[in-house]
PDB file of N, CA and C in Angstrom:
ATOM      1  N   MET A   1      77.797 145.319  88.109  1.00  0.00           N
ATOM      2  CA  MET A   1      76.764 144.360  87.814  1.00  0.00           C
ATOM      3  C   MET A   1      76.717 143.331  88.941  1.00  0.00           C
ATOM      4  N   GLN A   2      75.542 142.791  89.159  1.00  0.00           N
ATOM      5  CA  GLN A   2      75.371 141.810  90.226  1.00  0.00           C
ATOM      6  C   GLN A   2      75.020 140.442  89.644  1.00  0.00           C
ATOM      7  N   VAL A   3      75.375 139.428  90.403  1.00  0.00           N
ATOM      8  CA  VAL A   3      75.085 138.052  90.016  1.00  0.00           C
ATOM      9  C   VAL A   3      74.450 137.371  91.223  1.00  0.00           C
ATOM     10  N   ARG A   4      73.639 136.371  90.950  1.00  0.00           N
ATOM     11  CA  ARG A   4      73.042 135.628  92.064  1.00  0.00           C
ATOM     12  C   ARG A   4      73.005 134.146  91.737  1.00  0.00           C
ATOM     13  N   ILE A   5      72.872 133.358  92.789  1.00  0.00           N
ATOM     14  CA  ILE A   5      72.727 131.910  92.659  1.00  0.00           C
ATOM     15  C   ILE A   5      71.360 131.546  93.220  1.00  0.00           C
ATOM     16  N   ASP A   6      70.591 130.822  92.443  1.00  0.00           N
ATOM     17  CA  ASP A   6      69.285 130.346  92.892  1.00  0.00           C
ATOM     18  C   ASP A   6      69.527 129.159  93.831  1.00  0.00           C
ATOM     19  N   ALA A   7      69.318 129.386  95.110  1.00  0.00           N
ATOM     20  CA  ALA A   7      69.593 128.353  96.117  1.00  0.00           C
ATOM     21  C   ALA A   7      68.729 127.108  95.921  1.00  0.00           C
ATOM     22  N   GLU A   8      67.543 127.278  95.347  1.00  0.00           N
ATOM     23  CA  GLU A   8      66.660 126.135  95.094  1.00  0.00           C
ATOM     24  C   GLU A   8      67.226 125.223  93.995  1.00  0.00           C
ATOM     25  N   GLN A   9      67.968 125.809  93.054  1.00  0.00           N
ATOM     26  CA  GLN A   9      68.517 125.050  91.929  1.00  0.00           C
ATOM     27  C   GLN A   9      69.907 124.494  92.206  1.00  0.00           C
ATOM     28  N   CYS A  10      70.698 125.191  93.007  1.00  0.00           N
ATOM     29  CA  CYS A  10      72.091 124.804  93.255  1.00  0.00           C
ATOM     30  C   CYS A  10      72.161 123.422  93.907  1.00  0.00           C
ATOM     31  N   GLU A  11      73.006 122.564  93.342  1.00  0.00           N
ATOM     32  CA  GLU A  11      73.224 121.226  93.891  1.00  0.00           C
ATOM     33  C   GLU A  11      74.613 121.067  94.509  1.00  0.00           C
ATOM     34  N   GLY A  12      75.389 122.146  94.542  1.00  0.00           N
ATOM     35  CA  GLY A  12      76.683 122.101  95.198  1.00  0.00           C
ATOM     36  C   GLY A  12      77.790 121.447  94.393  1.00  0.00           C
ATOM     37  N   HIS A  13      77.756 121.585  93.084  1.00  0.00           N
ATOM     38  CA  HIS A  13      78.820 121.023  92.247  1.00  0.00           C
ATOM     39  C   HIS A  13      80.139 121.785  92.410  1.00  0.00           C
ATOM     40  N   GLY A  14      80.081 123.066  92.793  1.00  0.00           N
ATOM     41  CA  GLY A  14      81.274 123.852  93.073  1.00  0.00           C
ATOM     42  C   GLY A  14      82.006 124.420  91.880  1.00  0.00           C
ATOM     43  N   ARG A  15      81.466 124.253  90.693  1.00  0.00           N
ATOM     44  CA  ARG A  15      82.140 124.771  89.498  1.00  0.00           C
ATOM     45  C   ARG A  15      82.251 126.293  89.517  1.00  0.00           C
ATOM     46  N   CYS A  16      81.277 126.958  90.103  1.00  0.00           N
ATOM     47  CA  CYS A  16      81.324 128.420  90.162  1.00  0.00           C
ATOM     48  C   CYS A  16      82.540 128.883  90.965  1.00  0.00           C
ATOM     49  N   GLN A  17      82.755 128.278  92.108  1.00  0.00           N
ATOM     50  CA  GLN A  17      83.865 128.674  92.974  1.00  0.00           C
ATOM     51  C   GLN A  17      85.202 128.352  92.328  1.00  0.00           C
ATOM     52  N   VAL A  18      85.292 127.249  91.634  1.00  0.00           N
ATOM     53  CA  VAL A  18      86.534 126.885  90.946  1.00  0.00           C
ATOM     54  C   VAL A  18      86.807 127.849  89.790  1.00  0.00           C
ATOM     55  N   THR A  19      85.764 128.231  89.080  1.00  0.00           N
ATOM     56  CA  THR A  19      85.895 129.078  87.897  1.00  0.00           C
ATOM     57  C   THR A  19      86.133 130.545  88.238  1.00  0.00           C
ATOM     58  N   ALA A  20      85.465 131.044  89.273  1.00  0.00           N
ATOM     59  CA  ALA A  20      85.576 132.467  89.652  1.00  0.00           C
ATOM     60  C   ALA A  20      85.640 132.594  91.171  1.00  0.00           C
ATOM     61  N   PRO A  21      86.761 132.163  91.782  1.00  0.00           N
ATOM     62  CA  PRO A  21      86.854 132.175  93.247  1.00  0.00           C
ATOM     63  C   PRO A  21      86.813 133.579  93.857  1.00  0.00           C
ATOM     64  N   GLU A  22      87.077 134.601  93.055  1.00  0.00           N
ATOM     65  CA  GLU A  22      87.006 135.972  93.564  1.00  0.00           C
ATOM     66  C   GLU A  22      85.552 136.420  93.750  1.00  0.00           C
ATOM     67  N   VAL A  23      84.631 135.714  93.099  1.00  0.00           N
ATOM     68  CA  VAL A  23      83.222 136.108  93.123  1.00  0.00           C
ATOM     69  C   VAL A  23      82.351 135.112  93.888  1.00  0.00           C
ATOM     70  N   PHE A  24      82.700 133.834  93.836  1.00  0.00           N
ATOM     71  CA  PHE A  24      81.882 132.796  94.463  1.00  0.00           C
ATOM     72  C   PHE A  24      82.642 132.072  95.565  1.00  0.00           C
ATOM     73  N   ARG A  25      81.888 131.601  96.539  1.00  0.00           N
ATOM     74  CA  ARG A  25      82.445 130.748  97.598  1.00  0.00           C
ATOM     75  C   ARG A  25      81.424 129.650  97.861  1.00  0.00           C
ATOM     76  N   LEU A  26      81.845 128.660  98.622  1.00  0.00           N
ATOM     77  CA  LEU A  26      80.946 127.572  98.997  1.00  0.00           C
ATOM     78  C   LEU A  26      80.613 127.691 100.475  1.00  0.00           C
ATOM     79  N   ASP A  27      79.365 127.422 100.822  1.00  0.00           N
ATOM     80  CA  ASP A  27      78.973 127.477 102.227  1.00  0.00           C
ATOM     81  C   ASP A  27      79.413 126.189 102.937  1.00  0.00           C
ATOM     82  N   ALA A  28      79.046 126.035 104.178  1.00  0.00           N
ATOM     83  CA  ALA A  28      79.480 124.888 104.984  1.00  0.00           C
ATOM     84  C   ALA A  28      79.013 123.553 104.403  1.00  0.00           C
ATOM     85  N   GLU A  29      77.898 123.565 103.678  1.00  0.00           N
ATOM     86  CA  GLU A  29      77.391 122.330 103.069  1.00  0.00           C
ATOM     87  C   GLU A  29      77.874 122.139 101.633  1.00  0.00           C
ATOM     88  N   GLY A  30      78.664 123.086 101.126  1.00  0.00           N
ATOM     89  CA  GLY A  30      79.215 122.967  99.784  1.00  0.00           C
ATOM     90  C   GLY A  30      78.391 123.600  98.684  1.00  0.00           C
ATOM     91  N   TYR A  31      77.388 124.385  99.051  1.00  0.00           N
ATOM     92  CA  TYR A  31      76.559 125.067  98.058  1.00  0.00           C
ATOM     93  C   TYR A  31      77.143 126.435  97.735  1.00  0.00           C
ATOM     94  N   GLY A  32      76.964 126.866  96.479  1.00  0.00           N
ATOM     95  CA  GLY A  32      77.520 128.130  96.025  1.00  0.00           C
ATOM     96  C   GLY A  32      76.851 129.338  96.645  1.00  0.00           C
ATOM     97  N   GLN A  33      77.668 130.359  96.889  1.00  0.00           N
ATOM     98  CA  GLN A  33      77.208 131.652  97.371  1.00  0.00           C
ATOM     99  C   GLN A  33      77.981 132.734  96.638  1.00  0.00           C
ATOM    100  N   VAL A  34      77.340 133.880  96.464  1.00  0.00           N
ATOM    101  CA  VAL A  34      78.015 135.020  95.861  1.00  0.00           C
ATOM    102  C   VAL A  34      78.767 135.744  96.976  1.00  0.00           C
ATOM    103  N   ALA A  35      80.054 135.998  96.759  1.00  0.00           N
ATOM    104  CA  ALA A  35      80.917 136.580  97.790  1.00  0.00           C
ATOM    105  C   ALA A  35      81.084 138.089  97.659  1.00  0.00           C
ATOM    106  N   VAL A  36      80.532 138.699  96.605  1.00  0.00           N
ATOM    107  CA  VAL A  36      80.687 140.140  96.390  1.00  0.00           C
ATOM    108  C   VAL A  36      79.324 140.763  96.094  1.00  0.00           C
ATOM    109  N   ASP A  37      79.183 142.044  96.431  1.00  0.00           N
ATOM    110  CA  ASP A  37      77.931 142.743  96.119  1.00  0.00           C
ATOM    111  C   ASP A  37      77.853 143.085  94.639  1.00  0.00           C
ATOM    112  N   ASP A  38      78.945 143.623  94.102  1.00  0.00           N
ATOM    113  CA  ASP A  38      79.016 143.987  92.687  1.00  0.00           C
ATOM    114  C   ASP A  38      80.220 143.294  92.061  1.00  0.00           C
ATOM    115  N   VAL A  39      80.021 142.723  90.900  1.00  0.00           N
ATOM    116  CA  VAL A  39      81.091 142.014  90.191  1.00  0.00           C
ATOM    117  C   VAL A  39      81.962 143.042  89.468  1.00  0.00           C
ATOM    118  N   PRO A  40      83.245 143.133  89.832  1.00  0.00           N
ATOM    119  CA  PRO A  40      84.149 144.026  89.105  1.00  0.00           C
ATOM    120  C   PRO A  40      84.258 143.592  87.635  1.00  0.00           C
ATOM    121  N   GLU A  41      84.441 144.544  86.764  1.00  0.00           N
ATOM    122  CA  GLU A  41      84.504 144.271  85.322  1.00  0.00           C
ATOM    123  C   GLU A  41      85.544 143.210  84.975  1.00  0.00           C
ATOM    124  N   GLU A  42      86.676 143.195  85.680  1.00  0.00           N
ATOM    125  CA  GLU A  42      87.727 142.220  85.356  1.00  0.00           C
ATOM    126  C   GLU A  42      87.316 140.775  85.650  1.00  0.00           C
ATOM    127  N   TYR A  43      86.239 140.575  86.412  1.00  0.00           N
ATOM    128  CA  TYR A  43      85.760 139.220  86.713  1.00  0.00           C
ATOM    129  C   TYR A  43      84.529 138.846  85.897  1.00  0.00           C
ATOM    130  N   ARG A  44      84.128 139.698  84.982  1.00  0.00           N
ATOM    131  CA  ARG A  44      82.937 139.427  84.167  1.00  0.00           C
ATOM    132  C   ARG A  44      83.111 138.140  83.350  1.00  0.00           C
ATOM    133  N   ALA A  45      84.241 137.967  82.694  1.00  0.00           N
ATOM    134  CA  ALA A  45      84.459 136.767  81.866  1.00  0.00           C
ATOM    135  C   ALA A  45      84.433 135.483  82.697  1.00  0.00           C
ATOM    136  N   PRO A  46      85.123 135.416  83.853  1.00  0.00           N
ATOM    137  CA  PRO A  46      85.027 134.185  84.651  1.00  0.00           C
ATOM    138  C   PRO A  46      83.605 133.908  85.151  1.00  0.00           C
ATOM    139  N   VAL A  47      82.847 134.957  85.466  1.00  0.00           N
ATOM    140  CA  VAL A  47      81.460 134.758  85.898  1.00  0.00           C
ATOM    141  C   VAL A  47      80.626 134.220  84.736  1.00  0.00           C
ATOM    142  N   GLU A  48      80.829 134.769  83.551  1.00  0.00           N
ATOM    143  CA  GLU A  48      80.123 134.260  82.363  1.00  0.00           C
ATOM    144  C   GLU A  48      80.428 132.772  82.165  1.00  0.00           C
ATOM    145  N   ARG A  49      81.680 132.408  82.365  1.00  0.00           N
ATOM    146  CA  ARG A  49      82.064 130.991  82.227  1.00  0.00           C
ATOM    147  C   ARG A  49      81.393 130.141  83.306  1.00  0.00           C
ATOM    148  N   ALA A  50      81.341 130.646  84.543  1.00  0.00           N
ATOM    149  CA  ALA A  50      80.676 129.925  85.635  1.00  0.00           C
ATOM    150  C   ALA A  50      79.192 129.730  85.324  1.00  0.00           C
ATOM    151  N   ILE A  51      78.569 130.749  84.744  1.00  0.00           N
ATOM    152  CA  ILE A  51      77.159 130.642  84.359  1.00  0.00           C
ATOM    153  C   ILE A  51      76.988 129.515  83.340  1.00  0.00           C
ATOM    154  N   ARG A  52      77.852 129.464  82.345  1.00  0.00           N
ATOM    155  CA  ARG A  52      77.772 128.420  81.316  1.00  0.00           C
ATOM    156  C   ARG A  52      78.054 127.027  81.874  1.00  0.00           C
ATOM    157  N   LEU A  53      78.971 126.931  82.834  1.00  0.00           N
ATOM    158  CA  LEU A  53      79.379 125.627  83.364  1.00  0.00           C
ATOM    159  C   LEU A  53      78.460 125.062  84.440  1.00  0.00           C
ATOM    160  N   CYS A  54      77.593 125.881  84.996  1.00  0.00           N
ATOM    161  CA  CYS A  54      76.705 125.408  86.069  1.00  0.00           C
ATOM    162  C   CYS A  54      75.746 124.352  85.516  1.00  0.00           C
ATOM    163  N   PRO A  55      75.824 123.116  86.023  1.00  0.00           N
ATOM    164  CA  PRO A  55      74.983 122.045  85.492  1.00  0.00           C
ATOM    165  C   PRO A  55      73.490 122.285  85.712  1.00  0.00           C
ATOM    166  N   LYS A  56      73.133 123.051  86.708  1.00  0.00           N
ATOM    167  CA  LYS A  56      71.725 123.306  87.012  1.00  0.00           C
ATOM    168  C   LYS A  56      71.255 124.685  86.553  1.00  0.00           C
ATOM    169  N   GLN A  57      72.130 125.430  85.890  1.00  0.00           N
ATOM    170  CA  GLN A  57      71.813 126.786  85.436  1.00  0.00           C
ATOM    171  C   GLN A  57      71.255 127.631  86.582  1.00  0.00           C
ATOM    172  N   ALA A  58      71.909 127.528  87.728  1.00  0.00           N
ATOM    173  CA  ALA A  58      71.464 128.226  88.933  1.00  0.00           C
ATOM    174  C   ALA A  58      72.057 129.626  89.088  1.00  0.00           C
ATOM    175  N   ILE A  59      72.978 129.998  88.213  1.00  0.00           N
ATOM    176  CA  ILE A  59      73.663 131.296  88.317  1.00  0.00           C
ATOM    177  C   ILE A  59      73.125 132.220  87.236  1.00  0.00           C
ATOM    178  N   MET A  60      72.857 133.456  87.625  1.00  0.00           N
ATOM    179  CA  MET A  60      72.347 134.412  86.644  1.00  0.00           C
ATOM    180  C   MET A  60      72.746 135.828  87.012  1.00  0.00           C
ATOM    181  N   TRP A  61      72.829 136.670  85.984  1.00  0.00           N
ATOM    182  CA  TRP A  61      73.050 138.093  86.210  1.00  0.00           C
ATOM    183  C   TRP A  61      71.758 138.698  86.746  1.00  0.00           C
ATOM    184  N   VAL A  62      71.887 139.676  87.608  1.00  0.00           N
ATOM    185  CA  VAL A  62      70.736 140.419  88.118  1.00  0.00           C
ATOM    186  C   VAL A  62      70.589 141.660  87.252  1.00  0.00           C
ATOM    187  N   ARG A  63      69.490 141.753  86.564  1.00  0.00           N
ATOM    188  CA  ARG A  63      69.215 142.898  85.687  1.00  0.00           C
ATOM    189  C   ARG A  63      68.348 143.894  86.453  1.00  0.00           C
ATOM    190  N   GLU A  64      68.804 145.120  86.491  1.00  0.00           N
ATOM    191  CA  GLU A  64      68.023 146.143  87.208  1.00  0.00           C
ATOM    192  C   GLU A  64      67.398 147.105  86.244  1.00  0.00           C
TER     193      GLU A  64
END
């Protein structure tokens, strides 16, 4: 499964990277980026938590 961050919504709070560092990283300005192409099943729960904790609701699953 894939996840994405809406760059227009992200304000750089960094909760995604703290919650799921295996999946998210911060760019040079501190904004969230997805660090993997596909989210391994073992990281699904931390990604779900990052989605819930994002103050701007900028993180979402990509449905194909």
